[in-house]
Amino acid sequence: MMPPRVPQRRRMLQAAIAALLLPPWAASAQQRPAVNLAAVPIGRMDLPWWRKRFEASLQQVRHSKAELVWLGDSITQNWERSGPQPWADYQPIWQRLYGRYAPLNLGFIGDTTASVLWRLDHGQVQGLAPKVLILLIGANNLGRPHWGAHRTVPGIEAVVAKVRQLLPQTQVLLLGILPSRRSNWISAETLKINTVLAQRYAPGGDVTFLDVGHVLLDAQGQPDPQFYLEGHETGQTVLLHPDAQGMERIAEAIAPTLARLMQAAP
């Protein structure tokens, strides 16, 4: 999900991440960095395409009257896709299910919790007053940065707290990290993260947590290729991005909760 080119600043960031991942016997507690990079703002303005999208998104925000905002990474950004293949044609589903809410898509390919925090700190939702914000973030934390549950959960919590600070009247619908087929470690960390988040954001609070990943699984409880973009590619072993049908299943699974939150919003 990250662009292949790695500028110097990205290499420096990866070096810092590597230091965080040192085993206990490799360095003393005093030598290891104490900061959790998943929970601090880290921009990606050194990437031209990302900077261009961010600047364009600020223009969208300034003119938006959105009642619904989706905030996240490429899984969210894919809602903008349209095409001749039905499995890659997301826009009709987006318009049918969300068009009445004047929805706003704030998904950025490759973003981690740190990237979303940076965007929020730099005006990403300034001036907005949506009734509901749907947050889907964390999948990229488990990829190249290799931030496990112990770093990603605080990162997600930091994003939620920032959203609540900036949009105090908005209902927040936090989605669990979706199932993927990347590695056993990622699958295990995904389960840990979603379990902790379900406990942290129990029903009745000011944030609603939903784990709807089961709609993407087959009868054996594994990610079903027919619901993933990568599943339509010959010889693809990785499954990460839900296709249009997969996103429609997710949207239908959250629809009752979304309707309730829309009704409860001031």
Protein backbone atom coordinates (compact mmCIF):
# COMPACT_ATOMS: atom_id res chain seq x y z
CA MET A 1 0.00 0.00 0.00
CA MET A 2 3.07 2.31 0.25
CA PRO A 3 4.64 3.78 -2.92
CA PRO A 4 7.81 1.88 -3.83
CA ARG A 5 10.14 4.88 -3.77
CA VAL A 6 11.60 5.60 -0.33
CA PRO A 7 13.01 9.15 0.08
CA GLN A 8 15.76 9.89 2.58
CA ARG A 9 13.39 11.03 5.31
CA ARG A 10 11.45 7.80 4.98
CA ARG A 11 14.67 5.84 5.39
CA MET A 12 15.43 7.82 8.54
CA LEU A 13 11.95 7.02 9.82
CA GLN A 14 12.45 3.34 9.10
CA ALA A 15 15.73 3.45 11.03
CA ALA A 16 13.89 4.89 14.01
CA ILE A 17 11.26 2.18 13.69
CA ALA A 18 13.98 -0.47 13.61
CA ALA A 19 15.37 0.94 16.84
CA LEU A 20 11.96 0.62 18.45
CA LEU A 21 11.85 -3.03 17.47
CA LEU A 22 15.15 -4.01 19.11
CA PRO A 23 14.74 -7.02 21.41
CA PRO A 24 15.25 -6.37 25.15
CA TRP A 25 18.74 -7.89 25.12
CA ALA A 26 19.91 -5.65 22.27
CA ALA A 27 19.76 -2.38 24.18
CA SER A 28 19.02 -1.05 27.62
CA ALA A 29 15.74 0.68 28.40
CA GLN A 30 17.65 3.98 28.53
CA GLN A 31 19.05 3.45 25.02
CA ARG A 32 15.76 2.50 23.35
CA PRO A 33 13.51 5.35 22.13
CA ALA A 34 10.53 5.82 24.43
CA VAL A 35 8.24 7.48 21.89
CA ASN A 36 5.57 5.43 20.12
CA LEU A 37 5.73 6.61 16.51
CA ALA A 38 2.28 5.18 15.82
CA ALA A 39 0.78 7.73 18.22
CA VAL A 40 2.55 10.90 17.05
CA PRO A 41 1.88 13.00 13.92
CA ILE A 42 4.11 12.08 10.97
CA GLY A 43 3.39 13.82 7.68
CA ARG A 44 4.16 12.54 4.19
CA MET A 45 4.51 15.87 2.43
CA ASP A 46 7.81 14.71 0.91
CA LEU A 47 5.73 12.51 -1.42
CA PRO A 48 4.44 14.73 -4.28
CA TRP A 49 1.27 12.70 -4.91
CA TRP A 50 0.42 12.70 -1.20
CA ARG A 51 1.03 16.45 -0.84
CA LYS A 52 -1.15 17.10 -3.88
CA ARG A 53 -3.97 14.96 -2.52
CA PHE A 54 -3.74 16.56 0.91
CA GLU A 55 -3.88 20.07 -0.51
CA ALA A 56 -6.82 19.11 -2.71
CA SER A 57 -8.60 17.55 0.27
CA LEU A 58 -8.32 20.83 2.20
CA GLN A 59 -10.12 22.56 -0.66
CA GLN A 60 -12.83 19.91 -0.56
CA VAL A 61 -13.20 20.34 3.18
CA ARG A 62 -13.57 24.12 2.88
CA HIS A 63 -16.55 23.72 0.55
CA SER A 64 -18.07 20.62 2.13
CA LYS A 65 -21.36 20.32 3.97
CA ALA A 66 -20.78 16.63 4.63
CA GLU A 67 -22.98 14.85 7.12
CA LEU A 68 -20.80 11.74 6.75
CA VAL A 69 -17.02 11.48 6.57
CA TRP A 70 -14.93 8.37 5.94
CA LEU A 71 -11.39 8.78 7.30
CA GLY A 72 -8.62 6.25 6.67
CA ASP A 73 -6.14 4.77 4.21
CA SER A 74 -6.37 3.22 0.73
CA ILE A 75 -9.28 0.97 1.71
CA THR A 76 -11.27 4.17 2.25
CA GLN A 77 -9.77 5.99 -0.74
CA ASN A 78 -10.94 3.11 -2.96
CA TRP A 79 -14.51 4.36 -2.53
CA GLU A 80 -13.55 6.88 -5.23
CA ARG A 81 -12.80 4.19 -7.80
CA SER A 82 -14.97 3.50 -10.79
CA GLY A 83 -14.40 1.25 -13.75
CA PRO A 84 -15.87 -1.20 -16.22
CA GLN A 85 -15.21 -4.24 -14.02
CA PRO A 86 -18.00 -4.63 -11.44
CA TRP A 87 -15.54 -5.68 -8.76
CA ALA A 88 -13.65 -2.38 -9.13
CA ASP A 89 -16.67 -0.08 -9.54
CA TYR A 90 -17.17 1.40 -6.06
CA GLN A 91 -18.77 4.73 -6.91
CA PRO A 92 -22.31 3.45 -7.62
CA ILE A 93 -22.35 1.74 -4.21
CA TRP A 94 -20.98 4.87 -2.50
CA GLN A 95 -23.62 7.07 -4.11
CA ARG A 96 -26.48 4.66 -3.48
CA LEU A 97 -25.67 4.12 0.19
CA TYR A 98 -24.18 7.48 1.18
CA GLY A 99 -25.13 10.04 -1.48
CA ARG A 100 -27.91 11.51 0.64
CA TYR A 101 -25.35 12.47 3.30
CA ALA A 102 -23.18 14.64 0.99
CA PRO A 103 -20.33 12.29 1.97
CA LEU A 104 -16.65 13.18 2.07
CA ASN A 105 -13.87 10.67 1.42
CA LEU A 106 -10.67 11.38 3.38
CA GLY A 107 -8.80 8.17 2.60
CA PHE A 108 -5.11 8.28 1.66
CA ILE A 109 -3.16 5.36 0.21
CA GLY A 110 -0.50 4.08 2.61
CA ASP A 111 -1.52 6.15 5.63
CA THR A 112 -0.80 4.92 9.14
CA THR A 113 -2.28 6.21 12.37
CA ALA A 114 0.66 8.64 12.51
CA SER A 115 -0.19 10.04 9.06
CA VAL A 116 -3.84 10.53 9.96
CA LEU A 117 -2.83 12.31 13.17
CA TRP A 118 -0.68 14.68 11.10
CA ARG A 119 -3.56 15.39 8.73
CA LEU A 120 -5.89 16.10 11.65
CA ASP A 121 -3.30 18.45 13.14
CA HIS A 122 -3.05 20.32 9.84
CA GLY A 123 -6.66 21.19 9.12
CA GLN A 124 -8.02 17.97 7.64
CA VAL A 125 -11.45 18.38 9.28
CA GLN A 126 -11.32 22.10 10.05
CA GLY A 127 -14.71 23.70 9.54
CA LEU A 128 -16.55 20.40 9.13
CA ALA A 129 -19.54 19.43 11.25
CA PRO A 130 -20.50 15.92 10.11
CA LYS A 131 -23.09 13.94 11.99
CA VAL A 132 -20.95 10.78 11.75
CA LEU A 133 -17.31 10.06 11.04
CA ILE A 134 -16.35 6.50 10.11
CA LEU A 135 -12.74 5.70 10.98
CA LEU A 136 -10.92 2.75 9.41
CA ILE A 137 -7.18 2.84 10.08
CA GLY A 138 -4.36 0.61 11.26
CA ALA A 139 -3.75 -1.87 8.44
CA ASN A 140 -0.63 -0.04 7.29
CA ASN A 141 0.78 0.06 10.81
CA LEU A 142 1.21 -3.69 10.51
CA GLY A 143 2.90 -3.49 7.11
CA ARG A 144 6.20 -1.76 6.44
CA PRO A 145 6.42 0.08 9.80
CA HIS A 146 5.74 -3.24 11.58
CA TRP A 147 4.01 -1.56 14.51
CA GLY A 148 2.30 -4.35 16.44
CA ALA A 149 -0.77 -4.22 18.63
CA HIS A 150 1.10 -2.63 21.54
CA ARG A 151 1.90 0.39 19.35
CA THR A 152 -1.08 0.40 17.01
CA VAL A 153 -3.78 0.41 19.69
CA PRO A 154 -2.43 3.63 21.27
CA GLY A 155 -2.12 5.04 17.76
CA ILE A 156 -5.77 4.36 16.99
CA GLU A 157 -6.77 5.72 20.39
CA ALA A 158 -4.81 8.89 19.65
CA VAL A 159 -6.65 9.34 16.35
CA VAL A 160 -10.02 8.80 18.05
CA ALA A 161 -9.14 11.29 20.78
CA LYS A 162 -8.07 13.89 18.22
CA VAL A 163 -11.29 13.42 16.23
CA ARG A 164 -13.32 13.81 19.41
CA GLN A 165 -11.38 16.98 20.24
CA LEU A 166 -11.85 18.54 16.81
CA LEU A 167 -15.40 17.30 16.19
CA PRO A 168 -17.01 17.09 19.65
CA GLN A 169 -20.57 16.92 18.28
CA THR A 170 -19.80 14.17 15.75
CA GLN A 171 -20.66 10.53 16.35
CA VAL A 172 -17.56 8.37 15.77
CA LEU A 173 -17.94 4.90 14.26
CA LEU A 174 -14.63 3.07 14.64
CA LEU A 175 -14.25 -0.01 12.46
CA GLY A 176 -11.97 -2.89 13.39
CA ILE A 177 -8.97 -3.59 11.19
CA LEU A 178 -10.21 -5.82 8.39
CA PRO A 179 -8.95 -9.38 7.90
CA SER A 180 -6.17 -9.78 5.37
CA ARG A 181 -3.91 -12.46 3.99
CA ARG A 182 -0.40 -11.12 4.44
CA SER A 183 1.32 -13.02 7.24
CA ASN A 184 0.47 -15.04 10.32
CA TRP A 185 1.95 -12.28 12.48
CA ILE A 186 -0.30 -9.64 10.92
CA SER A 187 -3.38 -11.83 11.35
CA ALA A 188 -2.54 -12.43 15.01
CA GLU A 189 -1.87 -8.74 15.68
CA THR A 190 -5.10 -7.77 13.93
CA LEU A 191 -7.03 -10.04 16.28
CA LYS A 192 -5.27 -8.55 19.31
CA ILE A 193 -5.98 -5.00 18.19
CA ASN A 194 -9.66 -5.59 17.53
CA THR A 195 -10.10 -7.42 20.83
CA VAL A 196 -8.57 -4.55 22.79
CA LEU A 197 -10.54 -1.91 20.89
CA ALA A 198 -13.80 -3.78 21.51
CA GLN A 199 -13.08 -3.60 25.24
CA ARG A 200 -11.85 -0.02 25.14
CA TYR A 201 -14.87 1.27 23.24
CA ALA A 202 -17.65 -0.73 24.85
CA PRO A 203 -21.29 -0.06 23.92
CA GLY A 204 -22.78 3.03 25.50
CA GLY A 205 -19.74 5.26 25.15
CA ASP A 206 -19.13 8.27 22.91
CA VAL A 207 -17.37 6.09 20.32
CA THR A 208 -18.99 3.09 18.67
CA PHE A 209 -16.71 0.18 17.74
CA LEU A 210 -17.72 -2.39 15.14
CA ASP A 211 -15.71 -5.34 13.88
CA VAL A 212 -17.39 -6.37 10.64
CA GLY A 213 -14.51 -8.32 9.14
CA HIS A 214 -16.52 -11.54 9.21
CA VAL A 215 -18.38 -10.42 6.07
CA LEU A 216 -15.14 -10.90 4.10
CA LEU A 217 -14.44 -14.45 5.31
CA ASP A 218 -15.16 -17.81 3.70
CA ALA A 219 -16.72 -20.87 5.36
CA GLN A 220 -13.34 -21.77 6.88
CA GLY A 221 -12.97 -18.35 8.49
CA GLN A 222 -10.29 -17.18 6.05
CA PRO A 223 -10.31 -14.06 3.84
CA ASP A 224 -12.35 -14.92 0.76
CA PRO A 225 -10.54 -13.93 -2.47
CA GLN A 226 -13.83 -13.14 -4.20
CA PHE A 227 -14.25 -10.12 -1.90
CA TYR A 228 -10.77 -8.64 -2.41
CA LEU A 229 -9.25 -6.66 -5.26
CA GLU A 230 -6.15 -8.83 -5.17
CA GLY A 231 -8.31 -11.92 -5.51
CA HIS A 232 -9.09 -10.91 -9.09
CA GLU A 233 -5.41 -10.98 -10.04
CA THR A 234 -3.89 -14.23 -11.30
CA GLY A 235 -1.34 -15.70 -8.93
CA GLN A 236 -1.84 -13.08 -6.21
CA THR A 237 -1.15 -14.42 -2.72
CA VAL A 238 -1.80 -11.23 -0.72
CA LEU A 239 -5.36 -10.18 0.13
CA LEU A 240 -5.71 -6.71 1.65
CA HIS A 241 -8.14 -4.39 -0.15
CA PRO A 242 -11.84 -5.30 -0.25
CA ASP A 243 -13.24 -5.03 -3.76
CA ALA A 244 -16.49 -3.23 -4.54
CA GLN A 245 -18.56 -6.22 -3.45
CA GLY A 246 -16.53 -6.51 -0.25
CA MET A 247 -17.03 -2.85 0.56
CA GLU A 248 -20.72 -3.16 -0.17
CA ARG A 249 -20.90 -6.02 2.34
CA ILE A 250 -19.10 -3.85 4.91
CA ALA A 251 -21.43 -0.92 4.22
CA GLU A 252 -24.49 -3.13 4.62
CA ALA A 253 -23.11 -4.57 7.87
CA ILE A 254 -22.66 -1.14 9.41
CA ALA A 255 -25.87 0.34 7.96
CA PRO A 256 -28.12 -0.23 11.01
CA THR A 257 -25.54 1.30 13.34
CA LEU A 258 -24.90 4.20 10.98
CA ALA A 259 -28.63 4.93 10.76
CA ARG A 260 -28.86 4.95 14.55
CA LEU A 261 -25.89 7.28 14.92
CA MET A 262 -27.23 9.61 12.25
CA GLN A 263 -30.49 9.78 14.18
CA ALA A 264 -28.70 10.40 17.48
CA ALA A 265 -26.51 13.17 16.10
CA PRO A 266 -27.49 16.73 17.03
